[in-house]
Protein backbone atom coordinates (compact mmCIF):
# COMPACT_ATOMS: atom_id res chain seq x y z
CA MET A 1 122.93 93.38 102.38
CA GLY A 2 121.95 90.48 103.64
CA ARG A 3 119.29 87.85 102.49
CA ASN A 4 116.93 88.44 105.25
CA GLN A 5 117.32 92.31 105.62
CA THR A 6 116.71 92.14 101.44
CA LYS A 7 113.24 90.21 101.55
CA GLN A 8 112.31 92.31 104.80
CA GLU A 9 112.82 95.77 102.58
CA TYR A 10 110.49 94.06 99.54
CA GLU A 11 108.20 92.42 101.64
CA MET A 12 107.05 95.62 102.92
CA ILE A 13 107.45 97.90 100.04
CA SER A 14 105.30 95.03 97.83
CA GLU A 15 101.89 93.91 99.17
CA ASN A 16 103.29 90.14 99.18
CA PHE A 17 101.52 86.95 99.71
CA ARG A 18 102.13 85.62 103.63
CA ILE A 19 102.88 82.49 104.51
CA LYS A 20 100.93 81.36 107.44
CA SER A 21 101.85 79.35 110.18
CA PHE A 22 99.18 78.06 112.81
CA SER A 23 99.90 77.43 116.20
CA SER A 24 98.32 74.86 118.21
CA GLN A 25 95.60 77.35 119.40
CA ASN A 26 94.94 78.09 115.89
CA CYS A 27 94.40 74.75 115.26
CA ARG A 28 91.60 74.25 117.54
CA SER A 29 90.07 77.09 115.88
CA LEU A 30 90.20 75.79 112.36
CA ALA A 31 88.70 72.57 113.69
CA PHE A 32 85.87 74.45 115.56
CA LEU A 33 85.68 76.41 112.63
CA LEU A 34 85.18 73.71 110.22
CA LEU A 35 82.59 71.80 112.74
CA LEU A 36 80.80 75.22 112.21
CA TRP A 37 80.77 74.70 108.71
CA ILE A 38 79.70 71.02 108.32
CA LEU A 39 76.40 72.45 110.78
CA THR A 40 75.18 75.05 108.55
CA PRO A 41 74.17 75.29 105.33
CA LEU A 42 76.91 76.01 102.78
CA GLN A 43 76.95 79.79 101.69
CA ALA A 44 77.28 80.58 98.07
CA GLN A 45 80.76 81.51 97.15
CA THR A 46 81.92 85.20 95.60
CA LEU A 47 83.82 86.16 92.68
CA TYR A 48 86.18 87.27 95.47
CA ASP A 49 85.71 83.95 97.10
CA TYR A 50 87.03 81.99 93.61
CA GLN A 51 89.54 84.93 93.30
CA LEU A 52 91.54 84.17 96.11
CA GLU A 53 91.21 80.53 95.56
CA ALA A 54 93.23 81.41 92.25
CA ALA A 55 95.37 83.67 94.05
CA SER A 56 96.71 80.26 96.33
CA ASN A 57 96.23 77.80 93.53
CA ASN A 58 96.86 79.13 90.21
CA PRO A 59 99.77 77.45 89.17
CA SER A 60 101.65 80.07 86.60
CA LEU A 61 100.82 82.47 89.66
CA ARG A 62 102.97 80.27 92.03
CA ALA A 63 105.62 79.96 89.26
CA SER A 64 105.86 84.11 88.95
CA TYR A 65 105.77 84.28 92.90
CA ASN A 66 108.58 81.58 92.83
CA HIS A 67 110.95 83.75 90.41
CA TYR A 68 110.34 86.46 92.78
CA LEU A 69 111.78 85.06 95.55
CA SER A 70 114.89 83.82 93.63
CA SER A 71 115.48 87.42 92.21
CA LEU A 72 116.14 88.25 96.00
CA GLU A 73 119.01 85.64 96.24
CA MET A 74 120.69 87.20 93.50
CA THR A 75 121.40 90.17 96.07
CA PRO A 76 123.84 88.92 98.17
CA GLN A 77 125.69 87.04 94.88
CA VAL A 78 126.60 90.26 93.27
CA SER A 79 127.10 92.59 96.05
CA SER A 80 130.04 90.42 97.22
CA LEU A 81 133.60 90.46 97.20
CA PRO A 82 135.15 87.77 94.56
CA ASP A 83 136.21 84.44 96.26
CA PRO A 84 140.22 84.57 97.68
CA GLU A 85 142.82 82.79 96.14
CA VAL A 86 144.94 80.44 97.70
CA SER A 87 147.89 78.75 96.18
CA PHE A 88 150.19 76.30 97.25
CA ALA A 89 153.65 75.20 96.04
CA TYR A 90 156.52 72.90 96.80
CA PHE A 91 160.11 73.35 95.65
CA ILE A 92 161.12 70.00 94.33
CA SER A 93 164.80 71.31 94.04
CA PRO A 94 164.82 73.82 97.34
CA VAL A 95 165.64 76.92 96.30
CA GLU A 96 168.75 77.90 98.34
CA THR A 97 169.62 81.12 100.35
CA ARG A 98 171.37 82.17 102.96
CA VAL A 99 169.19 81.28 106.05
CA GLY A 100 168.34 77.87 104.03
CA PRO A 101 167.00 75.92 101.44
CA GLN A 102 163.21 77.16 100.72
CA ARG A 103 161.16 74.21 100.27
CA ALA A 104 157.38 75.33 99.97
CA ARG A 105 155.38 78.20 99.43
CA ILE A 106 151.71 79.55 100.27
CA SER A 107 149.97 82.17 98.41
CA LEU A 108 146.74 84.05 99.59
CA THR A 109 145.55 86.44 97.33
CA GLN A 110 142.27 88.91 97.32
CA MET A 111 140.95 90.94 94.23
CA PHE A 112 139.16 93.77 95.22
CA PRO A 113 136.93 95.74 92.05
CA TRP A 114 137.41 99.56 91.62
CA PHE A 115 135.25 101.69 94.65
CA GLY A 116 131.80 101.85 94.30
CA THR A 117 131.29 98.99 91.51
CA LEU A 118 129.74 96.10 94.33
CA LYS A 119 127.34 98.91 95.56
CA GLU A 120 126.07 99.57 91.91
CA LYS A 121 125.44 95.97 91.54
CA GLU A 122 123.71 95.11 94.37
CA THR A 123 121.52 98.34 93.68
CA GLY A 124 121.20 96.78 90.20
CA SER A 125 120.08 93.40 92.13
CA LEU A 126 117.51 95.07 93.89
CA ILE A 127 116.20 97.64 90.43
CA GLN A 128 116.06 93.74 89.39
CA THR A 129 113.65 92.28 92.44
CA LYS A 130 111.48 95.16 92.21
CA ALA A 131 111.10 94.88 88.49
CA GLN A 132 110.45 90.83 89.13
CA PHE A 133 107.79 91.79 91.73
CA GLU A 134 106.12 94.12 89.39
CA SER A 135 105.90 91.71 86.54
CA PHE A 136 104.34 89.39 89.17
CA ARG A 137 101.71 91.71 90.23
CA ASN A 138 100.65 92.57 86.51
CA GLN A 139 100.47 88.85 85.81
CA ARG A 140 98.09 88.41 89.00
CA ASN A 141 96.05 91.03 87.98
CA LYS A 142 95.61 90.00 84.29
CA LEU A 143 94.43 86.57 86.61
CA PHE A 144 91.74 88.39 88.32
CA PHE A 145 90.74 90.40 85.47
CA THR A 146 90.18 87.12 83.22
CA MET A 147 88.47 85.36 86.10
CA GLU A 148 86.16 89.12 85.78
CA MET A 149 85.41 88.73 82.25
CA ILE A 150 84.36 84.68 82.57
CA TRP A 151 82.41 85.63 85.43
CA ALA A 152 80.34 88.44 83.23
CA SER A 153 80.17 86.06 80.44
CA ILE A 154 78.94 83.00 82.88
CA TYR A 155 76.23 85.80 84.09
CA LYS A 156 75.11 87.05 81.03
CA THR A 157 74.61 83.65 79.38
CA ASN A 158 72.71 82.01 82.66
CA ARG A 159 70.57 85.11 82.29
CA GLN A 160 70.00 84.86 78.59
CA ILE A 161 69.15 80.84 79.31
CA GLU A 162 66.49 81.78 82.02
CA LEU A 163 65.24 84.39 79.11
CA GLU A 164 64.62 82.09 76.50
CA LYS A 165 63.18 79.89 79.18
CA LYS A 166 60.24 82.29 80.00
CA ASN A 167 60.06 83.14 76.11
CA LEU A 168 59.57 79.45 75.88
CA GLU A 169 57.02 79.29 78.64
CA ILE A 170 55.00 81.99 76.02
CA VAL A 171 55.50 80.24 73.33
CA SER A 172 54.36 76.83 74.27
CA THR A 173 51.46 78.81 75.62
CA LEU A 174 50.93 80.12 72.26
CA VAL A 175 51.54 76.69 70.45
CA ASP A 176 49.07 75.47 73.07
CA LEU A 177 46.26 77.87 72.15
CA SER A 178 46.70 77.82 68.38
CA LEU A 179 46.26 74.44 68.72
CA LYS A 180 42.30 74.88 70.38
CA LYS A 181 41.41 77.41 67.67
CA TYR A 182 42.63 75.58 64.99
CA GLU A 183 40.54 72.49 66.16
CA THR A 184 37.81 74.83 66.28
CA GLY A 185 38.23 76.47 63.45
CA LYS A 186 38.94 79.67 64.17
CA VAL A 187 42.65 79.71 62.99
CA SER A 188 44.44 78.17 60.06
CA GLN A 189 46.90 75.36 60.49
CA VAL A 190 49.81 78.69 59.84
CA ASP A 191 49.33 79.85 62.76
CA VAL A 192 50.11 76.60 64.95
CA LEU A 193 53.17 75.96 62.35
CA ARG A 194 54.77 79.23 62.97
CA ALA A 195 54.29 78.66 66.83
CA GLN A 196 56.01 75.47 67.02
CA ILE A 197 58.86 76.64 64.51
CA GLU A 198 58.92 79.68 67.34
CA LYS A 199 59.38 77.16 69.84
CA ASP A 200 61.86 75.15 68.05
CA ASP A 201 63.69 77.99 67.41
CA ILE A 202 63.99 78.98 71.48
CA LEU A 203 64.73 75.16 72.37
CA THR A 204 68.08 75.08 70.04
CA LYS A 205 68.92 78.38 71.80
CA ILE A 206 68.49 77.41 74.85
CA ALA A 207 70.85 74.30 73.81
CA LEU A 208 73.67 76.30 72.38
CA LEU A 209 73.76 78.38 75.65
CA THR A 210 73.91 75.85 77.86
CA SER A 211 76.84 73.95 75.91
CA ASP A 212 78.54 77.85 75.59
CA LEU A 213 77.72 77.84 79.42
CA GLU A 214 79.51 74.20 80.36
CA LEU A 215 82.53 75.48 78.17
CA LEU A 216 82.97 79.15 80.23
CA ILE A 217 82.58 77.29 83.74
CA LYS A 218 85.09 75.22 82.42
CA GLN A 219 87.41 77.98 81.38
CA PHE A 220 86.72 79.67 84.95
CA ASN A 221 87.81 76.07 86.82
CA GLU A 222 91.05 75.69 84.99
CA TRP A 223 91.69 79.43 86.43
CA ARG A 224 91.11 78.06 89.70
CA ASN A 225 93.66 74.99 89.09
CA VAL A 226 90.13 72.80 89.98
CA ALA A 227 88.77 69.75 88.65
CA PRO A 228 86.88 71.10 84.93
CA ASP A 229 83.55 69.46 86.17
CA GLU A 230 84.09 71.35 89.49
CA GLU A 231 80.67 73.12 90.91
CA VAL A 232 80.73 76.99 90.52
CA ILE A 233 77.86 78.80 91.95
CA LEU A 234 76.50 81.38 89.22
CA PRO A 235 76.12 84.81 89.98
CA GLU A 236 72.48 86.02 90.38
CA SER A 237 73.72 89.64 89.62
CA LEU A 238 76.39 92.00 88.27
CA ALA A 239 77.19 95.55 89.95
CA VAL A 240 77.57 98.05 87.89
CA SER A 241 79.35 100.83 88.95
CA SER A 242 78.77 104.91 87.66
CA PRO A 243 81.34 106.13 84.92
CA VAL A 244 84.44 107.97 86.02
CA THR A 245 85.04 111.11 85.49
CA VAL A 246 88.11 111.83 83.16
CA ASN A 247 90.43 114.29 84.72
CA PRO A 248 94.43 114.60 84.97
CA GLU A 249 94.70 112.88 88.70
CA VAL A 250 92.61 109.82 87.05
CA LEU A 251 95.74 109.14 84.31
CA ASN A 252 98.08 110.25 87.07
CA GLU A 253 96.76 107.63 89.10
CA ILE A 254 96.91 105.10 86.16
CA TYR A 255 100.81 106.01 85.49
CA ALA A 256 101.65 105.79 88.89
CA ASN A 257 100.08 102.43 90.04
CA ASN A 258 99.80 100.08 87.00
CA PRO A 259 102.70 97.40 87.15
CA SER A 260 103.42 97.16 83.74
CA LEU A 261 104.39 100.95 83.25
CA ASN A 262 106.28 100.52 86.63
CA LYS A 263 108.45 97.63 85.14
CA ILE A 264 109.26 99.75 82.15
CA ARG A 265 110.39 102.06 84.64
CA LEU A 266 112.07 99.64 86.45
CA GLU A 267 113.65 98.76 83.38
CA GLU A 268 114.97 102.51 82.84
CA ASP A 269 116.67 102.84 86.45
CA LEU A 270 118.15 99.48 85.61
CA ALA A 271 119.36 100.45 82.43
CA GLU A 272 121.14 103.60 84.35
CA ASN A 273 122.82 101.53 86.69
CA ARG A 274 124.27 99.05 83.48
CA LEU A 275 125.38 102.61 82.22
CA ARG A 276 126.82 103.40 85.55
CA ILE A 277 128.28 99.37 86.10
CA ALA A 278 130.08 99.40 82.77
CA GLY A 279 132.20 102.76 83.38
CA LEU A 280 133.27 101.05 86.52
CA ASN A 281 134.15 97.89 85.58
CA GLY A 282 136.68 99.90 83.03
CA LYS A 283 138.61 101.11 85.96
CA PRO A 284 141.48 98.80 87.50
CA ALA A 285 141.02 96.29 90.31
CA VAL A 286 143.49 96.05 93.12
CA GLY A 287 144.72 92.68 94.56
CA PHE A 288 146.32 92.50 98.06
CA GLY A 289 148.07 89.41 98.69
CA PHE A 290 150.53 87.38 101.35
CA ASP A 291 152.94 85.04 100.67
CA TYR A 292 154.43 82.15 103.51
CA ILE A 293 157.74 80.30 102.56
CA ALA A 294 158.82 77.59 104.54
CA THR A 295 162.67 77.16 105.20
CA SER A 296 164.88 74.81 106.34
CA GLU A 297 167.52 75.31 108.82
CA ARG A 298 171.10 74.78 107.25
CA THR A 299 173.23 71.96 109.20
CA ASP A 300 176.56 73.26 107.24
CA ILE A 301 176.35 76.77 109.96
CA PRO A 302 174.55 75.93 113.00
CA ALA A 303 175.03 79.04 114.30
CA LEU A 304 173.96 81.26 111.78
CA PRO A 305 171.57 84.18 112.33
CA ASP A 306 167.92 83.88 111.54
CA ASN A 307 168.99 80.22 110.57
CA GLY A 308 165.79 78.33 108.95
CA LYS A 309 164.04 81.62 109.54
CA ASP A 310 160.50 81.45 107.07
CA ALA A 311 159.90 84.01 104.71
CA VAL A 312 156.45 86.03 104.77
CA ILE A 313 155.89 88.63 101.92
CA ALA A 314 153.00 90.83 101.05
CA ARG A 315 152.13 91.71 97.69
CA LEU A 316 150.21 94.03 95.78
CA SER A 317 148.33 93.59 92.51
CA MET A 318 146.45 95.28 89.68
CA LYS A 319 144.08 94.00 86.41
CA ILE A 320 144.49 96.79 84.03
CA PRO A 321 141.80 97.00 81.96
CA LEU A 322 143.71 97.17 78.80
CA PHE A 323 141.81 96.63 75.87
CA ARG A 324 138.77 99.08 76.03
CA SER A 325 136.35 97.30 73.17
CA LYS A 326 134.36 95.19 75.68
CA TYR A 327 134.10 97.87 78.08
CA ASN A 328 133.10 100.34 75.26
CA ALA A 329 130.72 98.20 74.05
CA GLU A 330 128.89 97.26 77.26
CA SER A 331 128.67 101.17 77.55
CA ARG A 332 127.37 101.69 74.78
CA ALA A 333 124.40 98.45 75.25
CA ALA A 334 123.48 100.22 78.53
CA ASP A 335 122.63 103.33 76.12
CA LEU A 336 120.92 101.75 73.67
CA ASN A 337 118.88 100.04 76.96
CA LEU A 338 118.12 103.11 78.22
CA SER A 339 116.98 104.67 75.10
CA ALA A 340 114.87 101.97 74.71
CA ALA A 341 113.20 102.19 78.26
CA ARG A 342 112.26 106.17 77.67
CA SER A 343 110.62 105.10 74.03
CA GLU A 344 108.57 102.35 75.85
CA ILE A 345 107.46 104.54 78.83
CA ILE A 346 105.95 106.86 76.10
CA ASN A 347 104.33 104.41 74.28
CA SER A 348 103.08 102.98 77.67
CA LYS A 349 101.38 105.74 78.71
CA ASN A 350 99.97 106.38 75.73
CA SER A 351 98.63 103.19 75.34
CA LEU A 352 97.12 103.01 79.17
CA SER A 353 95.66 106.80 78.26
CA THR A 354 93.95 105.62 75.08
CA SER A 355 93.12 102.01 76.74
CA PHE A 356 91.65 104.10 79.51
CA TYR A 357 89.45 106.17 77.32
CA ALA A 358 88.07 103.42 75.45
CA ALA A 359 86.99 101.77 78.66
CA ASN A 360 85.45 104.91 79.92
CA ARG A 361 83.79 105.56 77.17
CA ASP A 362 82.00 101.93 77.00
CA LEU A 363 80.68 102.42 80.12
CA ASN A 364 79.28 105.81 79.56
CA ASP A 365 77.71 103.92 76.64
CA ALA A 366 76.34 100.97 78.52
CA HIS A 367 74.70 103.25 81.04
CA ARG A 368 72.80 105.28 78.26
CA ARG A 369 71.71 101.24 76.75
CA LEU A 370 70.52 100.73 80.45
CA GLU A 371 68.68 104.12 80.32
CA LEU A 372 67.08 103.29 76.91
CA TYR A 373 66.54 99.78 77.65
CA ASP A 374 65.12 100.59 81.18
CA ARG A 375 62.87 97.89 83.03
CA LYS A 376 60.19 100.16 83.09
CA LYS A 377 59.82 99.74 79.03
CA ILE A 378 59.92 96.15 79.49
CA ASN A 379 57.09 95.86 82.00
CA ARG A 380 54.66 98.14 79.59
CA ILE A 381 55.61 95.82 76.74
CA ASP A 382 54.85 92.88 79.34
CA GLN A 383 51.16 94.10 80.67
CA ALA A 384 50.49 95.26 76.40
CA LEU A 385 51.55 91.23 75.51
CA THR A 386 49.05 90.08 78.74
CA LEU A 387 46.54 92.04 77.03
CA LEU A 388 47.11 90.47 73.62
CA MET A 389 47.44 86.75 74.82
CA ARG A 390 43.66 87.25 76.51
CA SER A 391 42.33 88.59 73.75
CA TYR A 392 43.87 85.92 71.52
CA THR A 393 41.80 83.15 73.40
CA THR A 394 38.61 85.09 73.01
CA ASP A 395 38.33 86.56 69.17
CA HIS A 396 40.47 86.57 66.01
CA SER A 397 43.56 88.65 67.00
CA GLU A 398 46.65 89.40 65.02
CA PHE A 399 48.83 86.25 65.89
CA ASP A 400 51.88 88.57 64.26
CA ASN A 401 51.30 90.70 66.70
CA ILE A 402 51.98 88.76 69.87
CA LEU A 403 55.01 86.99 68.13
CA GLU A 404 56.35 90.25 67.25
CA LEU A 405 55.78 91.97 70.76
CA GLN A 406 57.37 88.77 72.19
CA ARG A 407 60.56 89.20 70.01
CA LYS A 408 60.48 92.78 70.85
CA LYS A 409 60.38 92.46 74.20
CA LEU A 410 63.12 89.36 74.43
CA MET A 411 65.21 92.06 72.35
CA TYR A 412 64.72 94.09 75.05
CA GLU A 413 65.71 92.33 78.00
CA LEU A 414 68.67 90.83 75.88
CA GLU A 415 69.88 94.66 75.26
CA ARG A 416 69.66 95.39 78.44
CA LEU A 417 71.79 92.05 79.83
CA HIS A 418 74.29 92.89 77.09
CA ALA A 419 74.35 96.78 79.23
CA ILE A 420 74.96 95.53 82.33
CA HIS A 421 77.49 93.05 81.11
CA ASP A 422 79.44 95.76 79.27
CA ALA A 423 79.60 98.04 82.19
CA PHE A 424 80.68 95.72 84.51
CA VAL A 425 83.73 94.58 82.03
CA ALA A 426 84.56 98.29 81.28
CA GLU A 427 84.29 98.80 84.80
CA LYS A 428 86.64 96.18 85.72
CA MET A 429 89.19 97.19 82.62
CA ILE A 430 89.43 100.76 84.57
CA ARG A 431 90.27 98.87 87.91
CA PHE A 432 93.02 97.28 85.51
CA LEU A 433 94.39 99.81 83.95
CA ARG A 434 94.80 101.46 87.84
CA GLY A 435 96.74 98.27 88.98
CA ASP A 436 93.71 97.72 91.51
CA GLN A 437 94.49 94.28 92.86
CA ASN A 438 91.05 93.69 93.93
CA ILE A 439 92.13 91.57 96.55
CA ASN A 440 93.68 91.40 100.08
CA ALA A 441 97.09 89.99 100.09
CA ASP A 442 96.89 89.42 103.98
CA GLU A 443 93.47 86.94 103.17
CA ILE A 444 95.66 83.97 100.94
CA ASN A 445 97.28 81.28 101.89
CA TYR A 446 99.90 80.58 99.96
CA LYS A 447 102.09 78.10 100.44
CA ILE A 448 105.59 78.13 98.99
CA GLU A 449 107.00 74.83 97.80
CA GLN A 450 110.67 74.46 99.60
């Protein structure tokens, strides 16, 4: 199978990255779009946009893709016949024959392995190419999943900062109110100090969360392969999906599409292929050859028939695999690899099913927490807090009740935020286990460095 045919086969099997070329018409369209982009406001980038960028720019993913392309070039190397051997011999002392002295000899030999050996080697190379592509798919999906996890953490941290800032506004109002009431002698200095301590705690939390957010953005930019301080449009919300119904079809879908499991299956196929090749390597190899011998004419008998006639010899040779220890060892190694691959398939299926059950449990748990910390409950606390603040400005309402209610509101909002984050992470984990790439490969402008 030729190089181009092999590439076409795997580009049809795998949803491969494509190298885009632009004609002059494409260039004019690109220039128009660029002008349109300059004249219109900058639109916020989504996680999908950042993943497209990472798919094109991430050096680790590019390296994995180039390894896949490199494996395509192995098929013609292993499926070709060994190079023919040509030798030349010059007789320093010519060999005298009836028709004249022999001066030189040219030999050509071509060895042929046992029937089916080259076909099996070609099949093994194709299996390795498929396995390399599954490895690339798995690395690509890990990249996208990692970015999704960081994206969720960015959203959660940014929202925590916003909640703490809202909390700071309320506590700052409490500080001002307590100071006014203290100046008029309506409350003790304790209320003022407690409000100020609460405010300092919130400022410290905001500073810590801001540092965490900066680090998360740097980590996110690392996967994009851009400058650490490159701007990232922060997400305003996270989409939360419904829990997945657990049934055999879902697990079968995971078993069929997970690239890591598919790679192990291909390793099983490769071990079977190696077992067959080991058997074929123990068969004889046949060689065919020709010898051409240059002969000079005899001068002492000019009228001799066939005087100076050159000789042509056809040869048949055979390589006999007499010493069997290496072939037996090759068969045993392939058999052990086959047994190991089958055990790894069972282990991988068990691990995938356990991970799926855990992720789906987390998704269900996150939805239950979302119902528990419903927005309506937070709104009720807001109403109660507003009433207490009004009461505190006019009479001697309990200062502790206001702080306690404010802490409870913040706790509800944070727990709801954690539930949204956990539901998003669990849903993406299920997609990762299913092998969903979450990216349209046709949209990736992936340039291969020649």
